[in-house]
Amino acid sequence: MRNTDEVKTQVSAIRERLKELSGFYLGEGAAMTYVLEWVLGKRETAPAGELGRAGGESEKIAANLTKAVEKAAAGKPRDADQSRKAAAKGPSPKRGSVRK
């Protein structure tokens, strides 16, 4: 059995990891967070009862995670090298055309 501090550390780690990933993983992260918070006693409804419920607590967690991810993305500077490489490469060829 894990202790409370280990579980809380994992909840924080999930939130931080989601800031590095695409939005595709928000639902999965929200579900993980919900389960861990339920184990800690912060959530009343068992995970099985929350599954598939519209407007449930896991949906609120997902909304909060979305805000955190958007905030992290807005504060992250664009990679200057990547921008220069794309500019030097030029526009992408049209579909069906052959690049020389």
PDB file of N, CA and C in Angstrom:
ATOM      1  N   MET A   1       0.832  -1.179   0.000  1.00  0.00           N
ATOM      2  CA  MET A   1       0.000   0.000   0.000  1.00  0.00           C
ATOM      3  C   MET A   1       0.880   1.246   0.000  1.00  0.00           C
ATOM      4  N   ARG A   2       0.527   2.220  -0.778  1.00  0.00           N
ATOM      5  CA  ARG A   2       1.262   3.483  -0.845  1.00  0.00           C
ATOM      6  C   ARG A   2       0.774   4.426   0.251  1.00  0.00           C
ATOM      7  N   ASN A   3       1.666   5.305   0.674  1.00  0.00           N
ATOM      8  CA  ASN A   3       1.237   6.275   1.679  1.00  0.00           C
ATOM      9  C   ASN A   3       0.688   7.522   0.997  1.00  0.00           C
ATOM     10  N   THR A   4       0.072   8.393   1.765  1.00  0.00           N
ATOM     11  CA  THR A   4      -0.586   9.588   1.253  1.00  0.00           C
ATOM     12  C   THR A   4       0.371  10.488   0.477  1.00  0.00           C
ATOM     13  N   ASP A   5       1.565  10.663   0.982  1.00  0.00           N
ATOM     14  CA  ASP A   5       2.531  11.537   0.309  1.00  0.00           C
ATOM     15  C   ASP A   5       2.913  11.013  -1.070  1.00  0.00           C
ATOM     16  N   GLU A   6       3.055   9.699  -1.195  1.00  0.00           N
ATOM     17  CA  GLU A   6       3.388   9.110  -2.497  1.00  0.00           C
ATOM     18  C   GLU A   6       2.260   9.333  -3.501  1.00  0.00           C
ATOM     19  N   VAL A   7       1.036   9.188  -3.048  1.00  0.00           N
ATOM     20  CA  VAL A   7      -0.122   9.369  -3.936  1.00  0.00           C
ATOM     21  C   VAL A   7      -0.222  10.835  -4.357  1.00  0.00           C
ATOM     22  N   LYS A   8      -0.053  11.754  -3.422  1.00  0.00           N
ATOM     23  CA  LYS A   8      -0.105  13.187  -3.744  1.00  0.00           C
ATOM     24  C   LYS A   8       1.007  13.559  -4.726  1.00  0.00           C
ATOM     25  N   THR A   9       2.180  12.960  -4.556  1.00  0.00           N
ATOM     26  CA  THR A   9       3.296  13.208  -5.479  1.00  0.00           C
ATOM     27  C   THR A   9       2.933  12.755  -6.889  1.00  0.00           C
ATOM     28  N   GLN A  10       2.244  11.631  -6.995  1.00  0.00           N
ATOM     29  CA  GLN A  10       1.837  11.129  -8.304  1.00  0.00           C
ATOM     30  C   GLN A  10       0.796  12.031  -8.957  1.00  0.00           C
ATOM     31  N   VAL A  11      -0.134  12.557  -8.166  1.00  0.00           N
ATOM     32  CA  VAL A  11      -1.146  13.483  -8.706  1.00  0.00           C
ATOM     33  C   VAL A  11      -0.440  14.702  -9.305  1.00  0.00           C
ATOM     34  N   SER A  12       0.519  15.248  -8.577  1.00  0.00           N
ATOM     35  CA  SER A  12       1.275  16.405  -9.074  1.00  0.00           C
ATOM     36  C   SER A  12       2.082  16.046 -10.312  1.00  0.00           C
ATOM     37  N   ALA A  13       2.676  14.858 -10.315  1.00  0.00           N
ATOM     38  CA  ALA A  13       3.474  14.416 -11.460  1.00  0.00           C
ATOM     39  C   ALA A  13       2.611  14.262 -12.710  1.00  0.00           C
ATOM     40  N   ILE A  14       1.395  13.773 -12.538  1.00  0.00           N
ATOM     41  CA  ILE A  14       0.474  13.632 -13.681  1.00  0.00           C
ATOM     42  C   ILE A  14       0.151  15.000 -14.261  1.00  0.00           C
ATOM     43  N   ARG A  15      -0.161  15.949 -13.407  1.00  0.00           N
ATOM     44  CA  ARG A  15      -0.483  17.306 -13.868  1.00  0.00           C
ATOM     45  C   ARG A  15       0.693  17.920 -14.622  1.00  0.00           C
ATOM     46  N   GLU A  16       1.894  17.756 -14.110  1.00  0.00           N
ATOM     47  CA  GLU A  16       3.080  18.315 -14.769  1.00  0.00           C
ATOM     48  C   GLU A  16       3.364  17.612 -16.092  1.00  0.00           C
ATOM     49  N   ARG A  17       3.210  16.306 -16.120  1.00  0.00           N
ATOM     50  CA  ARG A  17       3.482  15.536 -17.349  1.00  0.00           C
ATOM     51  C   ARG A  17       2.509  15.921 -18.456  1.00  0.00           C
ATOM     52  N   LEU A  18       1.264  16.166 -18.091  1.00  0.00           N
ATOM     53  CA  LEU A  18       0.266  16.543 -19.093  1.00  0.00           C
ATOM     54  C   LEU A  18       0.621  17.853 -19.785  1.00  0.00           C
ATOM     55  N   LYS A  19       1.334  18.722 -19.104  1.00  0.00           N
ATOM     56  CA  LYS A  19       1.738  19.998 -19.707  1.00  0.00           C
ATOM     57  C   LYS A  19       2.722  19.788 -20.855  1.00  0.00           C
ATOM     58  N   GLU A  20       3.375  18.638 -20.878  1.00  0.00           N
ATOM     59  CA  GLU A  20       4.348  18.320 -21.926  1.00  0.00           C
ATOM     60  C   GLU A  20       3.721  17.558 -23.090  1.00  0.00           C
ATOM     61  N   LEU A  21       2.545  17.001 -22.878  1.00  0.00           N
ATOM     62  CA  LEU A  21       1.915  16.147 -23.885  1.00  0.00           C
ATOM     63  C   LEU A  21       0.839  16.898 -24.658  1.00  0.00           C
ATOM     64  N   SER A  22       0.333  16.274 -25.705  1.00  0.00           N
ATOM     65  CA  SER A  22      -0.744  16.875 -26.484  1.00  0.00           C
ATOM     66  C   SER A  22      -2.060  16.732 -25.736  1.00  0.00           C
ATOM     67  N   GLY A  23      -3.044  17.474 -26.181  1.00  0.00           N
ATOM     68  CA  GLY A  23      -4.362  17.445 -25.564  1.00  0.00           C
ATOM     69  C   GLY A  23      -5.040  16.091 -25.629  1.00  0.00           C
ATOM     70  N   PHE A  24      -4.553  15.221 -26.488  1.00  0.00           N
ATOM     71  CA  PHE A  24      -5.105  13.875 -26.626  1.00  0.00           C
ATOM     72  C   PHE A  24      -5.116  13.132 -25.288  1.00  0.00           C
ATOM     73  N   TYR A  25      -4.159  13.424 -24.423  1.00  0.00           N
ATOM     74  CA  TYR A  25      -4.003  12.702 -23.167  1.00  0.00           C
ATOM     75  C   TYR A  25      -4.751  13.321 -21.986  1.00  0.00           C
ATOM     76  N   LEU A  26      -5.470  14.400 -22.197  1.00  0.00           N
ATOM     77  CA  LEU A  26      -6.172  15.065 -21.094  1.00  0.00           C
ATOM     78  C   LEU A  26      -7.199  14.167 -20.412  1.00  0.00           C
ATOM     79  N   GLY A  27      -7.971  13.449 -21.177  1.00  0.00           N
ATOM     80  CA  GLY A  27      -8.977  12.562 -20.594  1.00  0.00           C
ATOM     81  C   GLY A  27      -8.348  11.477 -19.753  1.00  0.00           C
ATOM     82  N   GLU A  28      -7.285  10.911 -20.259  1.00  0.00           N
ATOM     83  CA  GLU A  28      -6.575   9.864 -19.528  1.00  0.00           C
ATOM     84  C   GLU A  28      -5.980  10.427 -18.231  1.00  0.00           C
ATOM     85  N   GLY A  29      -5.394  11.609 -18.328  1.00  0.00           N
ATOM     86  CA  GLY A  29      -4.826  12.252 -17.144  1.00  0.00           C
ATOM     87  C   GLY A  29      -5.890  12.592 -16.114  1.00  0.00           C
ATOM     88  N   ALA A  30      -7.053  13.048 -16.598  1.00  0.00           N
ATOM     89  CA  ALA A  30      -8.153  13.371 -15.690  1.00  0.00           C
ATOM     90  C   ALA A  30      -8.640  12.110 -14.974  1.00  0.00           C
ATOM     91  N   ALA A  31      -8.726  11.008 -15.699  1.00  0.00           N
ATOM     92  CA  ALA A  31      -9.162   9.751 -15.083  1.00  0.00           C
ATOM     93  C   ALA A  31      -8.166   9.277 -14.030  1.00  0.00           C
ATOM     94  N   MET A  32      -6.880   9.367 -14.350  1.00  0.00           N
ATOM     95  CA  MET A  32      -5.852   8.970 -13.385  1.00  0.00           C
ATOM     96  C   MET A  32      -5.925   9.840 -12.133  1.00  0.00           C
ATOM     97  N   THR A  33      -6.060  11.131 -12.347  1.00  0.00           N
ATOM     98  CA  THR A  33      -6.135  12.069 -11.233  1.00  0.00           C
ATOM     99  C   THR A  33      -7.353  11.779 -10.372  1.00  0.00           C
ATOM    100  N   TYR A  34      -8.493  11.518 -11.015  1.00  0.00           N
ATOM    101  CA  TYR A  34      -9.718  11.230 -10.274  1.00  0.00           C
ATOM    102  C   TYR A  34      -9.539  10.008  -9.380  1.00  0.00           C
ATOM    103  N   VAL A  35      -8.994   8.953  -9.930  1.00  0.00           N
ATOM    104  CA  VAL A  35      -8.825   7.718  -9.162  1.00  0.00           C
ATOM    105  C   VAL A  35      -7.916   7.949  -7.959  1.00  0.00           C
ATOM    106  N   LEU A  36      -6.796   8.633  -8.189  1.00  0.00           N
ATOM    107  CA  LEU A  36      -5.875   8.878  -7.079  1.00  0.00           C
ATOM    108  C   LEU A  36      -6.505   9.776  -6.013  1.00  0.00           C
ATOM    109  N   GLU A  37      -7.276  10.772  -6.443  1.00  0.00           N
ATOM    110  CA  GLU A  37      -7.949  11.636  -5.469  1.00  0.00           C
ATOM    111  C   GLU A  37      -9.044  10.880  -4.721  1.00  0.00           C
ATOM    112  N   TRP A  38      -9.686   9.925  -5.375  1.00  0.00           N
ATOM    113  CA  TRP A  38     -10.686   9.087  -4.710  1.00  0.00           C
ATOM    114  C   TRP A  38     -10.008   8.234  -3.632  1.00  0.00           C
ATOM    115  N   VAL A  39      -8.838   7.698  -3.959  1.00  0.00           N
ATOM    116  CA  VAL A  39      -8.082   6.910  -2.983  1.00  0.00           C
ATOM    117  C   VAL A  39      -7.730   7.774  -1.771  1.00  0.00           C
ATOM    118  N   LEU A  40      -7.412   9.035  -2.010  1.00  0.00           N
ATOM    119  CA  LEU A  40      -7.076   9.952  -0.915  1.00  0.00           C
ATOM    120  C   LEU A  40      -8.301  10.403  -0.121  1.00  0.00           C
ATOM    121  N   GLY A  41      -9.495  10.088  -0.622  1.00  0.00           N
ATOM    122  CA  GLY A  41     -10.718  10.489   0.062  1.00  0.00           C
ATOM    123  C   GLY A  41     -11.230  11.855  -0.344  1.00  0.00           C
ATOM    124  N   LYS A  42     -10.679  12.425  -1.411  1.00  0.00           N
ATOM    125  CA  LYS A  42     -11.114  13.742  -1.872  1.00  0.00           C
ATOM    126  C   LYS A  42     -12.372  13.660  -2.747  1.00  0.00           C
ATOM    127  N   ARG A  43     -12.678  12.496  -3.255  1.00  0.00           N
ATOM    128  CA  ARG A  43     -13.844  12.303  -4.132  1.00  0.00           C
ATOM    129  C   ARG A  43     -14.766  11.268  -3.511  1.00  0.00           C
ATOM    130  N   GLU A  44     -16.074  11.506  -3.590  1.00  0.00           N
ATOM    131  CA  GLU A  44     -17.049  10.604  -2.972  1.00  0.00           C
ATOM    132  C   GLU A  44     -17.408   9.435  -3.877  1.00  0.00           C
ATOM    133  N   THR A  45     -17.684   9.713  -5.138  1.00  0.00           N
ATOM    134  CA  THR A  45     -18.133   8.684  -6.063  1.00  0.00           C
ATOM    135  C   THR A  45     -16.956   7.805  -6.474  1.00  0.00           C
ATOM    136  N   ALA A  46     -17.150   6.500  -6.384  1.00  0.00           N
ATOM    137  CA  ALA A  46     -16.111   5.561  -6.808  1.00  0.00           C
ATOM    138  C   ALA A  46     -15.872   5.724  -8.306  1.00  0.00           C
ATOM    139  N   PRO A  47     -14.664   5.416  -8.762  1.00  0.00           N
ATOM    140  CA  PRO A  47     -14.353   5.573 -10.186  1.00  0.00           C
ATOM    141  C   PRO A  47     -15.344   4.867 -11.114  1.00  0.00           C
ATOM    142  N   ALA A  48     -15.827   3.706 -10.732  1.00  0.00           N
ATOM    143  CA  ALA A  48     -16.797   2.983 -11.574  1.00  0.00           C
ATOM    144  C   ALA A  48     -18.095   3.772 -11.720  1.00  0.00           C
ATOM    145  N   GLY A  49     -18.490   4.497 -10.705  1.00  0.00           N
ATOM    146  CA  GLY A  49     -19.700   5.310 -10.764  1.00  0.00           C
ATOM    147  C   GLY A  49     -19.508   6.588 -11.554  1.00  0.00           C
ATOM    148  N   GLU A  50     -18.282   7.037 -11.659  1.00  0.00           N
ATOM    149  CA  GLU A  50     -17.962   8.266 -12.385  1.00  0.00           C
ATOM    150  C   GLU A  50     -17.817   8.018 -13.884  1.00  0.00           C
ATOM    151  N   LEU A  51     -17.460   6.813 -14.241  1.00  0.00           N
ATOM    152  CA  LEU A  51     -17.190   6.454 -15.636  1.00  0.00           C
ATOM    153  C   LEU A  51     -18.407   6.687 -16.527  1.00  0.00           C
ATOM    154  N   GLY A  52     -18.231   7.480 -17.560  1.00  0.00           N
ATOM    155  CA  GLY A  52     -19.291   7.738 -18.523  1.00  0.00           C
ATOM    156  C   GLY A  52     -20.317   8.756 -18.089  1.00  0.00           C
ATOM    157  N   ARG A  53     -20.110   9.391 -16.954  1.00  0.00           N
ATOM    158  CA  ARG A  53     -21.056  10.395 -16.461  1.00  0.00           C
ATOM    159  C   ARG A  53     -20.726  11.756 -17.041  1.00  0.00           C
ATOM    160  N   ALA A  54     -21.673  12.345 -17.723  1.00  0.00           N
ATOM    161  CA  ALA A  54     -21.465  13.685 -18.271  1.00  0.00           C
ATOM    162  C   ALA A  54     -21.572  14.705 -17.147  1.00  0.00           C
ATOM    163  N   GLY A  55     -20.662  15.671 -17.152  1.00  0.00           N
ATOM    164  CA  GLY A  55     -20.704  16.729 -16.159  1.00  0.00           C
ATOM    165  C   GLY A  55     -20.237  16.296 -14.781  1.00  0.00           C
ATOM    166  N   GLY A  56     -19.601  15.141 -14.709  1.00  0.00           N
ATOM    167  CA  GLY A  56     -19.127  14.647 -13.422  1.00  0.00           C
ATOM    168  C   GLY A  56     -17.850  15.342 -12.973  1.00  0.00           C
ATOM    169  N   GLU A  57     -17.349  14.881 -11.850  1.00  0.00           N
ATOM    170  CA  GLU A  57     -16.152  15.495 -11.283  1.00  0.00           C
ATOM    171  C   GLU A  57     -14.926  15.301 -12.166  1.00  0.00           C
ATOM    172  N   SER A  58     -14.835  14.170 -12.865  1.00  0.00           N
ATOM    173  CA  SER A  58     -13.673  13.961 -13.741  1.00  0.00           C
ATOM    174  C   SER A  58     -13.698  14.946 -14.916  1.00  0.00           C
ATOM    175  N   GLU A  59     -14.891  15.368 -15.331  1.00  0.00           N
ATOM    176  CA  GLU A  59     -14.997  16.372 -16.395  1.00  0.00           C
ATOM    177  C   GLU A  59     -14.459  17.719 -15.901  1.00  0.00           C
ATOM    178  N   LYS A  60     -14.739  18.032 -14.637  1.00  0.00           N
ATOM    179  CA  LYS A  60     -14.218  19.270 -14.046  1.00  0.00           C
ATOM    180  C   LYS A  60     -12.693  19.209 -13.938  1.00  0.00           C
ATOM    181  N   ILE A  61     -12.177  18.031 -13.579  1.00  0.00           N
ATOM    182  CA  ILE A  61     -10.726  17.854 -13.507  1.00  0.00           C
ATOM    183  C   ILE A  61     -10.126  18.069 -14.891  1.00  0.00           C
ATOM    184  N   ALA A  62     -10.754  17.499 -15.920  1.00  0.00           N
ATOM    185  CA  ALA A  62     -10.259  17.652 -17.295  1.00  0.00           C
ATOM    186  C   ALA A  62     -10.265  19.123 -17.710  1.00  0.00           C
ATOM    187  N   ALA A  63     -11.296  19.859 -17.330  1.00  0.00           N
ATOM    188  CA  ALA A  63     -11.360  21.290 -17.668  1.00  0.00           C
ATOM    189  C   ALA A  63     -10.224  22.054 -16.994  1.00  0.00           C
ATOM    190  N   ASN A  64      -9.951  21.738 -15.734  1.00  0.00           N
ATOM    191  CA  ASN A  64      -8.849  22.394 -15.025  1.00  0.00           C
ATOM    192  C   ASN A  64      -7.500  22.024 -15.618  1.00  0.00           C
ATOM    193  N   LEU A  65      -7.353  20.758 -16.005  1.00  0.00           N
ATOM    194  CA  LEU A  65      -6.103  20.327 -16.638  1.00  0.00           C
ATOM    195  C   LEU A  65      -5.911  21.036 -17.979  1.00  0.00           C
ATOM    196  N   THR A  66      -7.000  21.220 -18.715  1.00  0.00           N
ATOM    197  CA  THR A  66      -6.926  21.918 -19.995  1.00  0.00           C
ATOM    198  C   THR A  66      -6.418  23.343 -19.796  1.00  0.00           C
ATOM    199  N   LYS A  67      -6.945  24.021 -18.789  1.00  0.00           N
ATOM    200  CA  LYS A  67      -6.485  25.383 -18.507  1.00  0.00           C
ATOM    201  C   LYS A  67      -5.001  25.398 -18.158  1.00  0.00           C
ATOM    202  N   ALA A  68      -4.562  24.441 -17.351  1.00  0.00           N
ATOM    203  CA  ALA A  68      -3.152  24.383 -16.953  1.00  0.00           C
ATOM    204  C   ALA A  68      -2.246  24.117 -18.143  1.00  0.00           C
ATOM    205  N   VAL A  69      -2.684  23.228 -19.035  1.00  0.00           N
ATOM    206  CA  VAL A  69      -1.896  22.903 -20.225  1.00  0.00           C
ATOM    207  C   VAL A  69      -1.828  24.112 -21.158  1.00  0.00           C
ATOM    208  N   GLU A  70      -2.966  24.798 -21.347  1.00  0.00           N
ATOM    209  CA  GLU A  70      -2.984  25.989 -22.201  1.00  0.00           C
ATOM    210  C   GLU A  70      -2.089  27.083 -21.642  1.00  0.00           C
ATOM    211  N   LYS A  71      -2.125  27.260 -20.338  1.00  0.00           N
ATOM    212  CA  LYS A  71      -1.289  28.271 -19.698  1.00  0.00           C
ATOM    213  C   LYS A  71       0.195  27.938 -19.870  1.00  0.00           C
ATOM    214  N   ALA A  72       0.540  26.662 -19.716  1.00  0.00           N
ATOM    215  CA  ALA A  72       1.933  26.239 -19.888  1.00  0.00           C
ATOM    216  C   ALA A  72       2.388  26.427 -21.334  1.00  0.00           C
ATOM    217  N   ALA A  73       1.488  26.128 -22.280  1.00  0.00           N
ATOM    218  CA  ALA A  73       1.831  26.267 -23.700  1.00  0.00           C
ATOM    219  C   ALA A  73       1.996  27.734 -24.081  1.00  0.00           C
ATOM    220  N   ALA A  74       1.190  28.606 -23.511  1.00  0.00           N
ATOM    221  CA  ALA A  74       1.278  30.037 -23.824  1.00  0.00           C
ATOM    222  C   ALA A  74       2.571  30.638 -23.290  1.00  0.00           C
ATOM    223  N   GLY A  75       3.055  30.117 -22.192  1.00  0.00           N
ATOM    224  CA  GLY A  75       4.269  30.648 -21.594  1.00  0.00           C
ATOM    225  C   GLY A  75       5.539  30.069 -22.177  1.00  0.00           C
ATOM    226  N   LYS A  76       5.406  29.014 -22.976  1.00  0.00           N
ATOM    227  CA  LYS A  76       6.575  28.347 -23.537  1.00  0.00           C
ATOM    228  C   LYS A  76       7.002  29.046 -24.826  1.00  0.00           C
ATOM    229  N   PRO A  77       8.253  29.504 -24.909  1.00  0.00           N
ATOM    230  CA  PRO A  77       8.710  30.153 -26.139  1.00  0.00           C
ATOM    231  C   PRO A  77       8.838  29.134 -27.266  1.00  0.00           C
ATOM    232  N   ARG A  78       8.534  29.572 -28.461  1.00  0.00           N
ATOM    233  CA  ARG A  78       8.683  28.700 -29.621  1.00  0.00           C
ATOM    234  C   ARG A  78      10.145  28.437 -29.877  1.00  0.00           C
ATOM    235  N   ASP A  79      10.445  27.287 -30.349  1.00  0.00           N
ATOM    236  CA  ASP A  79      11.820  26.915 -30.661  1.00  0.00           C
ATOM    237  C   ASP A  79      12.280  27.712 -31.876  1.00  0.00           C
ATOM    238  N   ALA A  80      13.226  28.618 -31.677  1.00  0.00           N
ATOM    239  CA  ALA A  80      13.700  29.506 -32.742  1.00  0.00           C
ATOM    240  C   ALA A  80      14.363  28.720 -33.862  1.00  0.00           C
ATOM    241  N   ASP A  81      15.099  27.683 -33.521  1.00  0.00           N
ATOM    242  CA  ASP A  81      15.765  26.882 -34.556  1.00  0.00           C
ATOM    243  C   ASP A  81      14.741  26.214 -35.465  1.00  0.00           C
ATOM    244  N   GLN A  82      13.687  25.711 -34.894  1.00  0.00           N
ATOM    245  CA  GLN A  82      12.650  25.048 -35.662  1.00  0.00           C
ATOM    246  C   GLN A  82      11.979  26.037 -36.621  1.00  0.00           C
ATOM    247  N   SER A  83      11.730  27.256 -36.155  1.00  0.00           N
ATOM    248  CA  SER A  83      11.110  28.276 -36.991  1.00  0.00           C
ATOM    249  C   SER A  83      12.018  28.651 -38.155  1.00  0.00           C
ATOM    250  N   ARG A  84      13.308  28.800 -37.883  1.00  0.00           N
ATOM    251  CA  ARG A  84      14.254  29.152 -38.951  1.00  0.00           C
ATOM    252  C   ARG A  84      14.353  28.051 -39.989  1.00  0.00           C
ATOM    253  N   LYS A  85      14.389  26.810 -39.549  1.00  0.00           N
ATOM    254  CA  LYS A  85      14.476  25.683 -40.479  1.00  0.00           C
ATOM    255  C   LYS A  85      13.251  25.641 -41.384  1.00  0.00           C
ATOM    256  N   ALA A  86      12.080  25.861 -40.816  1.00  0.00           N
ATOM    257  CA  ALA A  86      10.850  25.842 -41.606  1.00  0.00           C
ATOM    258  C   ALA A  86      10.844  26.977 -42.621  1.00  0.00           C
ATOM    259  N   ALA A  87      11.327  28.150 -42.215  1.00  0.00           N
ATOM    260  CA  ALA A  87      11.374  29.296 -43.121  1.00  0.00           C
ATOM    261  C   ALA A  87      12.374  29.068 -44.249  1.00  0.00           C
ATOM    262  N   ALA A  88      13.516  28.465 -43.937  1.00  0.00           N
ATOM    263  CA  ALA A  88      14.539  28.211 -44.950  1.00  0.00           C
ATOM    264  C   ALA A  88      14.091  27.149 -45.946  1.00  0.00           C
ATOM    265  N   LYS A  89      13.302  26.215 -45.489  1.00  0.00           N
ATOM    266  CA  LYS A  89      12.826  25.125 -46.329  1.00  0.00           C
ATOM    267  C   LYS A  89      11.837  25.625 -47.377  1.00  0.00           C
ATOM    268  N   GLY A  90      11.101  26.652 -47.032  1.00  0.00           N
ATOM    269  CA  GLY A  90      10.120  27.205 -47.964  1.00  0.00           C
ATOM    270  C   GLY A  90       8.776  26.540 -47.795  1.00  0.00           C
ATOM    271  N   PRO A  91       7.815  26.963 -48.585  1.00  0.00           N
ATOM    272  CA  PRO A  91       6.470  26.425 -48.465  1.00  0.00           C
ATOM    273  C   PRO A  91       6.425  24.957 -48.885  1.00  0.00           C
ATOM    274  N   SER A  92       5.480  24.232 -48.328  1.00  0.00           N
ATOM    275  CA  SER A  92       5.298  22.834 -48.688  1.00  0.00           C
ATOM    276  C   SER A  92       4.756  22.748 -50.096  1.00  0.00           C
ATOM    277  N   PRO A  93       5.159  21.711 -50.853  1.00  0.00           N
ATOM    278  CA  PRO A  93       4.645  21.564 -52.218  1.00  0.00           C
ATOM    279  C   PRO A  93       3.149  21.221 -52.196  1.00  0.00           C
ATOM    280  N   LYS A  94       2.455  21.563 -53.296  1.00  0.00           N
ATOM    281  CA  LYS A  94       1.038  21.237 -53.380  1.00  0.00           C
ATOM    282  C   LYS A  94       0.883  19.746 -53.521  1.00  0.00           C
ATOM    283  N   ARG A  95      -0.249  19.273 -53.090  1.00  0.00           N
ATOM    284  CA  ARG A  95      -0.507  17.845 -53.198  1.00  0.00           C
ATOM    285  C   ARG A  95      -0.449  17.391 -54.636  1.00  0.00           C
ATOM    286  N   GLY A  96       0.178  16.268 -54.840  1.00  0.00           N
ATOM    287  CA  GLY A  96       0.253  15.705 -56.182  1.00  0.00           C
ATOM    288  C   GLY A  96       1.454  16.202 -56.969  1.00  0.00           C
ATOM    289  N   SER A  97       2.124  17.261 -56.521  1.00  0.00           N
ATOM    290  CA  SER A  97       3.283  17.742 -57.249  1.00  0.00           C
ATOM    291  C   SER A  97       4.516  16.987 -56.786  1.00  0.00           C
ATOM    292  N   VAL A  98       5.498  16.947 -57.636  1.00  0.00           N
ATOM    293  CA  VAL A  98       6.738  16.236 -57.334  1.00  0.00           C
ATOM    294  C   VAL A  98       7.801  17.251 -56.973  1.00  0.00           C
ATOM    295  N   ARG A  99       8.469  17.017 -55.874  1.00  0.00           N
ATOM    296  CA  ARG A  99       9.532  17.902 -55.437  1.00  0.00           C
ATOM    297  C   ARG A  99      10.842  17.519 -56.132  1.00  0.00           C
ATOM    298  N   LYS A 100      11.581  18.515 -56.545  1.00  0.00           N
ATOM    299  CA  LYS A 100      12.839  18.226 -57.256  1.00  0.00           C
ATOM    300  C   LYS A 100      13.963  18.088 -56.306  1.00  0.00           C
TER     301      LYS A 100
END
